[in-house]
Amino acid sequence: MTDKDLYIRAIVGREQVYEQEAVSLSYKFYERPGVGLNSVSLSKKPDFKGMVSLDIPLKNIDAAVERVGGEMYRTGVVQQYVVFPQQTGRITIPGLTFNCVVLQQEAGLSLIDAFFNGGGNIGYSLTRNVPETFIEVKPLPQPRPSGFSGGVGQFSVRGDLLTETPRTNDMVTYRLTVSGSGNLQLLTAPSITFPADFDVYSPKVTDNTKVLAGGVTGDIIFDYTFVPRNVGQYDIPAIDFIYFNPSDGTYQTKTVPSLHMNIEKGNRSDADLERERTLRSSDIRDIKTGTVRFDSEAAFIWWGTSGYWAVVAGILLFFILLVAVLRRHNRANADVVARRRSKAVRQAKRRLRLAGRMLKKGDQKAFYTELSRALNAYLSDKLSVEVAALNDDRLIYEMNQRGVSEEQFSPFRQLLEECGFARFAPAADGNGANELYRRALDEITRLDNLLKTVDK
């Protein structure tokens, strides 16, 4: 298997960025039809020198079909990162090695041997190397404004007093929320000048961000806790949040208005305050006080009572009904494979009618998609093989097992290939589409007759 049959390449979102600007980095596989790629994994975690990297979690691989150099490839993203350059100049994105497993059909296996050997597929391990690539990182404009937060992106900011009625010796929380997209996780808490007779504690940081292909988005919350010691009128001064917007290359300022507070007389002692402060810095929570309701023994179901026997009877009835439902379900699905095979032609023609309606509407892209889906679904139903496993080698093997030669199956396989190409390069007029539609009807009927003859 050559590097043209299966390869992986790095795709950089942008090759020229500012320092601290988010850059998407994707690793995408390309495989020719019939390769049978089963899994891809990194041989070792990359070392992104001069950058902060964040993994983008991928729940599954969304495979697609692309034309590369006149050939069709199945493609999909297998690894994604968002990187934030921490230095200027030319930065190297290191080359990576991926471990790949491809499944190939073992020729000559009987159906029984194939059943006990994972369907007759053999896994082959191989590696694919991705060469290093580069990005150019521009410095932020000089001079940087005084009070620059270090934020690079698009942001908004707001301030909220979470304590409705602040009192002396109460722990009061002022929340500063920075929202938007950019290097949110790299921000530090802005410095706020609180009144001199407030006891101020280090801010608590809460990360409510998501790492996506376009960068990091969401909120970073800074909770500033302070304790007023005296009654009176106080102000938290306005806060200027200065950041750099790479989309227009300028520094911008978002201002949080000043906040006026009326501190009232509280009832808590210094000992109460110290106890709450200790509890907040640990996993222990304060004991709740108040009335407690206890249930009497009569509220429980005891052995031998009428309530006990009613519960037992209900459980038995539930299990009897469950067994009856399961038996009915098993009888209804006793021979799913045979039913799929018997209805394969009927289902295929139903799907072809849908393709025909798309053709009449002039939507050629939808027509070729439905036509290809109808042909593949017919083979899947008739051969009891999942659509994802229908590569060339598997199809030829299944046909040979049913007495259909490669020459007999060749027209159907050629029709599948033409439908795949037509999806990405449709004909200028409708004559080609009409001809493919007619051939699809004929080929399904012809192949089904061949398979029925063999079954007899």
Protein backbone atom coordinates (compact mmCIF):
# COMPACT_ATOMS: atom_id res chain seq x y z
CA MET A 1 0.00 0.00 0.00
CA THR A 2 1.62 3.25 -1.16
CA ASP A 3 1.52 6.74 0.31
CA LYS A 4 -0.89 7.71 -2.48
CA ASP A 5 -3.37 5.08 -1.32
CA LEU A 6 -3.41 6.42 2.25
CA TYR A 7 -1.85 9.59 3.60
CA ILE A 8 -2.39 12.26 6.28
CA ARG A 9 -1.70 15.97 5.93
CA ALA A 10 -1.67 18.95 8.30
CA ILE A 11 -4.08 21.81 7.55
CA VAL A 12 -3.28 25.15 9.20
CA GLY A 13 -6.11 27.65 9.55
CA ARG A 14 -3.88 30.63 8.75
CA GLU A 15 -0.19 30.85 7.96
CA GLN A 16 0.22 34.48 9.13
CA VAL A 17 -1.13 35.48 12.55
CA TYR A 18 -0.46 37.80 15.45
CA GLU A 19 1.22 36.76 18.66
CA GLN A 20 -1.35 35.08 20.99
CA GLU A 21 -3.90 34.79 18.16
CA ALA A 22 -5.75 31.46 17.93
CA VAL A 23 -4.74 29.19 15.03
CA SER A 24 -6.64 26.03 14.11
CA LEU A 25 -4.56 22.96 13.25
CA SER A 26 -6.22 19.87 11.76
CA TYR A 27 -4.81 16.52 10.67
CA LYS A 28 -6.83 14.93 7.88
CA PHE A 29 -6.57 11.46 6.36
CA TYR A 30 -7.05 10.66 2.66
CA GLU A 31 -7.73 7.07 1.54
CA ARG A 32 -8.54 5.63 -1.85
CA PRO A 33 -11.62 3.38 -2.24
CA GLY A 34 -10.99 -0.15 -1.04
CA VAL A 35 -8.20 0.72 1.43
CA GLY A 36 -10.36 -0.14 4.45
CA LEU A 37 -8.92 2.27 7.04
CA ASN A 38 -10.13 1.11 10.46
CA SER A 39 -8.35 3.31 13.02
CA VAL A 40 -5.81 6.14 13.32
CA SER A 41 -3.88 7.21 16.42
CA LEU A 42 -0.91 9.39 17.28
CA SER A 43 2.33 7.56 18.00
CA LYS A 44 3.23 10.20 20.63
CA LYS A 45 1.93 13.56 21.81
CA PRO A 46 3.39 16.45 19.80
CA ASP A 47 5.69 19.06 21.37
CA PHE A 48 4.49 22.47 20.20
CA LYS A 49 7.48 24.62 21.12
CA GLY A 50 6.79 28.34 21.34
CA MET A 51 3.02 27.74 21.44
CA VAL A 52 0.27 26.89 23.90
CA SER A 53 -1.84 24.07 22.47
CA LEU A 54 -5.36 22.91 23.33
CA ASP A 55 -6.90 19.64 22.14
CA ILE A 56 -10.24 19.79 20.34
CA PRO A 57 -12.20 16.69 21.41
CA LEU A 58 -13.55 14.65 18.48
CA LYS A 59 -16.46 12.35 19.33
CA ASN A 60 -16.37 10.67 15.93
CA ILE A 61 -14.88 11.09 12.48
CA ASP A 62 -17.18 12.74 9.94
CA ALA A 63 -16.03 11.08 6.74
CA ALA A 64 -16.55 12.78 3.37
CA VAL A 65 -15.56 12.24 -0.26
CA GLU A 66 -13.18 14.64 -2.01
CA ARG A 67 -11.57 14.78 -5.44
CA VAL A 68 -7.77 15.21 -5.26
CA GLY A 69 -5.76 15.37 -8.47
CA GLY A 70 -8.62 13.87 -10.46
CA GLU A 71 -9.04 10.92 -8.05
CA MET A 72 -11.72 10.27 -5.45
CA TYR A 73 -10.65 9.96 -1.81
CA ARG A 74 -12.49 9.27 1.42
CA THR A 75 -11.39 11.89 3.94
CA GLY A 76 -11.87 12.80 7.59
CA VAL A 77 -10.26 14.82 10.38
CA VAL A 78 -8.55 12.58 12.94
CA GLN A 79 -6.86 15.15 15.20
CA GLN A 80 -7.47 18.84 15.89
CA TYR A 81 -5.78 21.51 17.98
CA VAL A 82 -6.01 25.22 18.65
CA VAL A 83 -2.57 26.74 19.16
CA PHE A 84 -1.63 30.17 20.51
CA PRO A 85 1.84 31.41 19.43
CA GLN A 86 3.81 32.77 22.39
CA GLN A 87 6.68 34.24 20.36
CA THR A 88 7.12 36.12 17.11
CA GLY A 89 8.84 35.13 13.89
CA ARG A 90 8.75 31.82 12.06
CA ILE A 91 7.43 29.01 14.27
CA THR A 92 7.70 25.35 13.34
CA ILE A 93 4.76 23.02 13.73
CA PRO A 94 6.48 19.67 14.26
CA GLY A 95 6.03 16.66 12.04
CA LEU A 96 3.90 13.85 13.45
CA THR A 97 3.67 10.09 13.04
CA PHE A 98 0.30 8.34 13.01
CA ASN A 99 -0.32 4.64 13.57
CA CYS A 100 -2.94 3.28 11.17
CA VAL A 101 -4.80 -0.03 10.98
CA VAL A 102 -6.39 -1.11 7.70
CA LEU A 103 -8.72 -4.06 7.24
CA GLN A 104 -8.34 -6.26 4.19
CA GLN A 105 -10.47 -9.23 3.17
CA GLU A 106 -8.68 -12.59 3.35
CA ALA A 107 -9.32 -14.41 0.10
CA GLY A 108 -10.44 -18.03 0.08
CA LEU A 109 -12.21 -18.09 3.45
CA SER A 110 -15.48 -19.98 3.66
CA LEU A 111 -18.52 -18.32 5.21
CA ILE A 112 -18.11 -20.41 8.38
CA ASP A 113 -14.43 -19.50 8.76
CA ALA A 114 -15.21 -15.86 8.05
CA PHE A 115 -17.94 -15.88 10.72
CA PHE A 116 -15.50 -17.12 13.39
CA ASN A 117 -12.69 -14.84 12.24
CA GLY A 118 -14.26 -11.41 12.37
CA GLY A 119 -15.89 -11.59 8.95
CA GLY A 120 -12.66 -12.65 7.23
CA ASN A 121 -11.01 -9.23 7.65
CA ILE A 122 -7.34 -9.06 8.61
CA GLY A 123 -5.93 -5.93 10.26
CA TYR A 124 -2.61 -4.58 8.98
CA SER A 125 -0.64 -1.97 10.93
CA LEU A 126 1.30 0.76 9.17
CA THR A 127 2.55 4.27 9.89
CA ARG A 128 2.07 7.56 8.07
CA ASN A 129 4.34 10.57 8.61
CA VAL A 130 3.18 14.18 8.38
CA PRO A 131 5.99 16.63 7.56
CA GLU A 132 6.57 19.76 9.63
CA THR A 133 4.98 23.01 8.56
CA PHE A 134 5.43 26.66 9.49
CA ILE A 135 3.50 29.77 10.50
CA GLU A 136 4.65 33.38 10.54
CA VAL A 137 3.82 35.22 13.77
CA LYS A 138 3.64 39.01 13.74
CA PRO A 139 4.32 41.01 16.95
CA LEU A 140 1.54 43.08 18.49
CA PRO A 141 1.74 46.77 17.56
CA GLN A 142 3.98 48.95 19.72
CA PRO A 143 3.69 50.71 22.05
CA ARG A 144 1.23 48.58 23.98
CA PRO A 145 -1.26 50.68 25.96
CA SER A 146 -0.91 50.91 29.70
CA GLY A 147 -3.14 48.36 31.41
CA PHE A 148 -3.16 45.97 28.43
CA SER A 149 -4.80 42.71 29.63
CA GLY A 150 -2.92 40.42 27.25
CA GLY A 151 -6.20 39.43 25.62
CA VAL A 152 -6.11 38.80 21.86
CA GLY A 153 -9.49 38.21 20.21
CA GLN A 154 -12.98 39.69 20.35
CA PHE A 155 -14.35 40.24 23.86
CA SER A 156 -17.04 41.87 25.95
CA VAL A 157 -16.93 42.41 29.72
CA ARG A 158 -19.44 43.12 32.47
CA GLY A 159 -19.40 43.52 36.26
CA ASP A 160 -22.05 42.34 38.76
CA LEU A 161 -22.39 42.56 42.53
CA LEU A 162 -23.65 39.12 43.57
CA THR A 163 -24.47 40.13 47.16
CA GLU A 164 -27.76 42.07 47.13
CA THR A 165 -27.34 43.82 50.49
CA PRO A 166 -23.71 44.05 51.58
CA ARG A 167 -23.18 44.36 55.34
CA THR A 168 -20.20 44.69 57.60
CA ASN A 169 -18.36 41.41 58.28
CA ASP A 170 -20.20 39.76 55.37
CA MET A 171 -18.27 38.11 52.55
CA VAL A 172 -19.32 40.08 49.46
CA THR A 173 -18.64 38.91 45.88
CA TYR A 174 -18.06 41.15 42.88
CA ARG A 175 -18.06 39.21 39.61
CA LEU A 176 -16.24 40.26 36.45
CA THR A 177 -17.19 38.21 33.37
CA VAL A 178 -15.13 38.30 30.17
CA SER A 179 -16.97 36.77 27.19
CA GLY A 180 -16.11 36.22 23.56
CA SER A 181 -13.53 34.29 21.55
CA GLY A 182 -9.74 34.37 21.71
CA ASN A 183 -7.07 33.47 24.24
CA LEU A 184 -9.60 33.42 27.10
CA GLN A 185 -7.86 30.66 29.05
CA LEU A 186 -4.63 32.68 29.08
CA LEU A 187 -6.17 35.82 30.64
CA THR A 188 -5.17 36.91 34.12
CA ALA A 189 -7.52 38.56 36.58
CA PRO A 190 -7.70 42.34 36.06
CA SER A 191 -6.46 44.43 38.95
CA ILE A 192 -9.28 46.24 40.81
CA THR A 193 -8.66 48.97 43.39
CA PHE A 194 -11.09 48.32 46.26
CA PRO A 195 -11.65 50.75 49.17
CA ALA A 196 -8.85 50.73 51.72
CA ASP A 197 -10.99 49.44 54.64
CA PHE A 198 -12.15 46.33 52.71
CA ASP A 199 -10.43 43.01 53.35
CA VAL A 200 -9.83 41.69 49.81
CA TYR A 201 -9.02 38.06 48.90
CA SER A 202 -7.48 36.58 45.80
CA PRO A 203 -10.04 36.26 42.96
CA LYS A 204 -11.50 32.85 42.11
CA VAL A 205 -11.36 31.98 38.39
CA THR A 206 -14.09 29.90 36.71
CA ASP A 207 -13.53 28.60 33.19
CA ASN A 208 -16.74 28.29 31.14
CA THR A 209 -15.10 28.01 27.73
CA LYS A 210 -15.27 25.54 24.86
CA VAL A 211 -12.41 24.63 22.55
CA LEU A 212 -13.72 24.59 18.97
CA ALA A 213 -12.12 24.48 15.52
CA GLY A 214 -12.49 28.26 15.25
CA GLY A 215 -10.80 28.89 18.61
CA VAL A 216 -11.76 29.17 22.27
CA THR A 217 -15.17 30.69 23.00
CA GLY A 218 -17.28 31.21 26.12
CA ASP A 219 -16.76 33.00 29.44
CA ILE A 220 -13.99 33.44 31.97
CA ILE A 221 -15.39 34.50 35.36
CA PHE A 222 -13.35 36.33 38.00
CA ASP A 223 -15.03 36.39 41.43
CA TYR A 224 -13.51 39.00 43.76
CA THR A 225 -14.40 38.41 47.42
CA PHE A 226 -14.07 41.21 49.95
CA VAL A 227 -15.29 41.99 53.50
CA PRO A 228 -16.47 45.51 54.38
CA ARG A 229 -15.41 46.49 57.89
CA ASN A 230 -17.29 49.77 58.28
CA VAL A 231 -20.75 51.16 57.56
CA GLY A 232 -20.90 53.79 54.83
CA GLN A 233 -21.00 54.68 51.13
CA TYR A 234 -18.33 53.11 48.94
CA ASP A 235 -17.51 52.83 45.24
CA ILE A 236 -15.77 50.21 43.16
CA PRO A 237 -14.06 52.26 40.43
CA ALA A 238 -14.65 51.78 36.72
CA ILE A 239 -12.58 49.02 35.11
CA ASP A 240 -10.94 49.35 31.69
CA PHE A 241 -10.42 46.02 29.94
CA ILE A 242 -7.93 46.60 27.12
CA TYR A 243 -7.36 43.90 24.49
CA PHE A 244 -6.04 43.52 20.95
CA ASN A 245 -8.48 42.74 18.13
CA PRO A 246 -6.58 40.88 15.36
CA SER A 247 -9.40 41.28 12.85
CA ASP A 248 -8.68 45.00 12.46
CA GLY A 249 -5.22 45.13 14.06
CA THR A 250 -6.10 47.64 16.80
CA TYR A 251 -6.22 47.82 20.59
CA GLN A 252 -9.74 48.23 21.96
CA THR A 253 -11.13 49.10 25.37
CA LYS A 254 -14.27 47.83 27.09
CA THR A 255 -15.23 49.78 30.22
CA VAL A 256 -17.17 48.40 33.19
CA PRO A 257 -18.96 51.33 34.92
CA SER A 258 -18.17 52.13 38.53
CA LEU A 259 -20.38 50.53 41.18
CA HIS A 260 -21.80 52.37 44.21
CA MET A 261 -22.51 50.40 47.39
CA ASN A 262 -24.30 51.22 50.63
CA ILE A 263 -22.72 49.09 53.34
CA GLU A 264 -25.15 48.40 56.20
CA LYS A 265 -24.49 47.25 59.75
CA GLY A 266 -24.11 43.46 59.97
CA ASN A 267 -24.70 40.99 62.82
CA ARG A 268 -21.71 38.71 62.30
CA SER A 269 -18.72 38.58 64.57
CA ASP A 270 -15.11 38.16 63.49
CA ALA A 271 -15.32 34.52 64.58
CA ASP A 272 -18.31 33.94 62.25
CA LEU A 273 -16.44 35.56 59.40
CA GLU A 274 -13.32 33.46 59.96
CA ARG A 275 -15.42 30.28 60.07
CA GLU A 276 -17.10 31.07 56.73
CA ARG A 277 -13.78 31.98 55.14
CA THR A 278 -12.31 28.64 56.24
CA LEU A 279 -15.31 26.70 54.93
CA ARG A 280 -15.20 28.47 51.56
CA SER A 281 -11.57 27.49 51.09
CA SER A 282 -12.34 23.80 51.75
CA ASP A 283 -14.79 21.17 50.48
CA ILE A 284 -16.81 21.32 53.73
CA ARG A 285 -20.09 23.16 53.66
CA ASP A 286 -21.83 24.85 56.54
CA ILE A 287 -24.32 22.84 58.63
CA LYS A 288 -27.91 23.77 57.86
CA THR A 289 -30.05 24.71 60.83
CA GLY A 290 -33.83 24.76 61.28
CA THR A 291 -36.66 22.34 61.94
CA VAL A 292 -36.20 18.71 61.01
CA ARG A 293 -39.10 16.40 60.03
CA PHE A 294 -39.01 12.75 61.03
CA ASP A 295 -41.23 10.05 59.51
CA SER A 296 -42.94 7.57 61.80
CA GLU A 297 -42.54 3.80 61.54
CA ALA A 298 -46.05 3.54 60.12
CA ALA A 299 -44.87 5.38 57.01
CA PHE A 300 -42.72 2.40 56.03
CA ILE A 301 -43.87 -0.87 54.43
CA TRP A 302 -43.15 -3.71 56.85
CA TRP A 303 -43.09 -7.47 56.24
CA GLY A 304 -46.52 -9.09 56.13
CA THR A 305 -48.56 -5.90 55.82
CA SER A 306 -51.05 -5.36 53.01
CA GLY A 307 -48.79 -2.69 51.52
CA TYR A 308 -45.87 -5.14 51.42
CA TRP A 309 -47.90 -7.81 49.54
CA ALA A 310 -49.22 -5.18 47.13
CA VAL A 311 -45.63 -4.18 46.24
CA VAL A 312 -44.62 -7.84 45.76
CA ALA A 313 -47.62 -8.50 43.51
CA GLY A 314 -46.83 -5.40 41.46
CA ILE A 315 -43.22 -6.51 40.93
CA LEU A 316 -44.30 -10.03 39.85
CA LEU A 317 -46.84 -8.58 37.43
CA PHE A 318 -44.22 -6.29 35.96
CA PHE A 319 -41.84 -9.18 35.26
CA ILE A 320 -44.62 -11.31 33.72
CA LEU A 321 -45.52 -8.48 31.35
CA LEU A 322 -41.83 -7.89 30.57
CA VAL A 323 -41.30 -11.55 29.62
CA ALA A 324 -44.40 -11.50 27.38
CA VAL A 325 -43.23 -8.34 25.60
CA LEU A 326 -39.73 -9.74 25.06
CA ARG A 327 -41.07 -12.99 23.61
CA ARG A 328 -43.29 -11.10 21.21
CA HIS A 329 -40.38 -8.91 20.18
CA ASN A 330 -38.13 -11.94 19.59
CA ARG A 331 -40.77 -13.67 17.44
CA ALA A 332 -41.26 -10.53 15.36
CA ASN A 333 -37.53 -10.24 14.75
CA ALA A 334 -36.67 -13.95 14.54
CA ASP A 335 -35.38 -13.71 10.98
CA VAL A 336 -34.39 -10.10 10.33
CA VAL A 337 -31.72 -11.07 7.80
CA ALA A 338 -34.15 -13.04 5.63
CA ARG A 339 -36.67 -10.21 5.71
CA ARG A 340 -34.05 -7.66 4.68
CA ARG A 341 -33.01 -9.83 1.75
CA SER A 342 -36.56 -10.45 0.57
CA LYS A 343 -37.42 -6.74 0.69
CA ALA A 344 -34.12 -5.52 -0.80
CA VAL A 345 -35.48 -4.91 -4.33
CA ARG A 346 -38.68 -3.31 -3.06
CA GLN A 347 -36.75 -0.93 -0.78
CA ALA A 348 -34.27 -0.12 -3.56
CA LYS A 349 -37.04 0.81 -6.00
CA ARG A 350 -38.67 2.98 -3.35
CA ARG A 351 -35.38 4.84 -2.93
CA LEU A 352 -35.00 5.11 -6.70
CA ARG A 353 -38.42 6.74 -6.94
CA LEU A 354 -37.18 9.37 -4.48
CA ALA A 355 -34.12 9.91 -6.71
CA GLY A 356 -36.45 10.25 -9.70
CA ARG A 357 -38.39 13.01 -7.96
CA MET A 358 -35.13 14.88 -7.29
CA LEU A 359 -34.27 14.55 -10.99
CA LYS A 360 -37.61 16.01 -12.06
CA LYS A 361 -37.02 18.98 -9.75
CA GLY A 362 -33.68 19.58 -11.45
CA ASP A 363 -31.71 18.98 -8.26
CA GLN A 364 -28.92 16.86 -9.74
CA LYS A 365 -26.79 16.83 -6.59
CA ALA A 366 -29.64 15.38 -4.53
CA PHE A 367 -30.47 12.98 -7.37
CA TYR A 368 -26.97 11.47 -7.49
CA THR A 369 -26.85 11.26 -3.70
CA GLU A 370 -30.16 9.33 -3.54
CA LEU A 371 -29.19 7.14 -6.50
CA SER A 372 -25.89 6.16 -4.88
CA ARG A 373 -27.67 5.57 -1.57
CA ALA A 374 -30.23 3.29 -3.24
CA LEU A 375 -27.55 1.13 -4.90
CA ASN A 376 -25.47 0.80 -1.72
CA ALA A 377 -28.53 0.12 0.44
CA TYR A 378 -29.62 -2.65 -1.95
CA LEU A 379 -26.23 -4.37 -1.65
CA SER A 380 -26.26 -3.92 2.13
CA ASP A 381 -29.74 -5.49 2.47
CA LYS A 382 -29.08 -8.28 -0.01
CA LEU A 383 -25.66 -9.27 1.36
CA SER A 384 -26.34 -8.50 5.05
CA VAL A 385 -23.26 -6.28 5.16
CA GLU A 386 -23.15 -2.77 6.64
CA VAL A 387 -22.82 0.01 4.07
CA ALA A 388 -19.58 1.23 5.68
CA ALA A 389 -17.97 -2.18 4.97
CA LEU A 390 -18.90 -2.28 1.27
CA ASN A 391 -15.47 -1.88 -0.31
CA ASP A 392 -14.43 -3.51 -3.61
CA ASP A 393 -12.70 -6.49 -2.07
CA ARG A 394 -15.62 -7.25 0.24
CA LEU A 395 -18.17 -7.01 -2.58
CA ILE A 396 -16.22 -9.32 -4.89
CA TYR A 397 -15.76 -11.79 -2.03
CA GLU A 398 -19.48 -11.80 -1.14
CA MET A 399 -20.48 -12.21 -4.78
CA ASN A 400 -18.06 -15.10 -5.29
CA GLN A 401 -19.48 -16.82 -2.22
CA ARG A 402 -22.92 -16.59 -3.83
CA GLY A 403 -21.75 -17.89 -7.21
CA VAL A 404 -21.71 -14.52 -9.00
CA SER A 405 -18.46 -14.00 -10.89
CA GLU A 406 -16.50 -10.75 -10.96
CA GLU A 407 -17.40 -10.32 -14.66
CA GLN A 408 -21.09 -10.67 -13.87
CA PHE A 409 -20.87 -8.14 -11.07
CA SER A 410 -18.65 -5.71 -13.01
CA PRO A 411 -21.52 -3.65 -14.63
CA PHE A 412 -23.07 -3.00 -11.21
CA ARG A 413 -19.71 -1.98 -9.73
CA GLN A 414 -19.03 0.36 -12.67
CA LEU A 415 -22.44 1.95 -12.13
CA LEU A 416 -21.55 2.60 -8.47
CA GLU A 417 -18.31 4.32 -9.48
CA GLU A 418 -20.05 6.49 -12.07
CA CYS A 419 -22.63 7.59 -9.48
CA GLY A 420 -19.83 8.50 -7.08
CA PHE A 421 -18.05 10.63 -9.68
CA ALA A 422 -21.29 12.23 -10.88
CA ARG A 423 -22.05 13.47 -7.33
CA PHE A 424 -19.03 15.78 -7.52
CA ALA A 425 -18.96 16.42 -11.29
CA PRO A 426 -22.59 16.28 -12.53
CA ALA A 427 -23.31 16.34 -16.24
CA ALA A 428 -24.25 19.64 -17.82
CA ASP A 429 -27.52 18.26 -19.21
CA GLY A 430 -30.04 15.75 -17.88
CA ASN A 431 -29.37 13.02 -20.47
CA GLY A 432 -26.58 11.46 -18.43
CA ALA A 433 -28.71 11.47 -15.28
CA ASN A 434 -31.65 9.83 -17.06
CA GLU A 435 -29.35 7.16 -18.47
CA LEU A 436 -27.90 6.40 -15.01
CA TYR A 437 -31.40 6.17 -13.56
CA ARG A 438 -32.46 3.65 -16.23
CA ARG A 439 -29.30 1.61 -15.77
CA ALA A 440 -29.81 1.53 -11.99
CA LEU A 441 -33.26 -0.02 -12.43
CA ASP A 442 -31.92 -2.57 -14.92
CA GLU A 443 -28.84 -3.48 -12.88
CA ILE A 444 -30.75 -4.03 -9.64
CA THR A 445 -33.19 -6.32 -11.45
CA ARG A 446 -30.39 -8.17 -13.28
CA LEU A 447 -28.25 -8.71 -10.18
CA ASP A 448 -31.24 -9.77 -8.10
CA ASN A 449 -32.16 -12.39 -10.71
CA LEU A 450 -28.58 -13.71 -10.65
CA LEU A 451 -28.62 -14.03 -6.88
CA LYS A 452 -32.04 -15.72 -6.92
CA THR A 453 -30.79 -18.22 -9.52
CA VAL A 454 -27.83 -19.07 -7.30
CA ASP A 455 -30.07 -19.47 -4.22
CA LYS A 456 -32.20 -22.01 -6.07
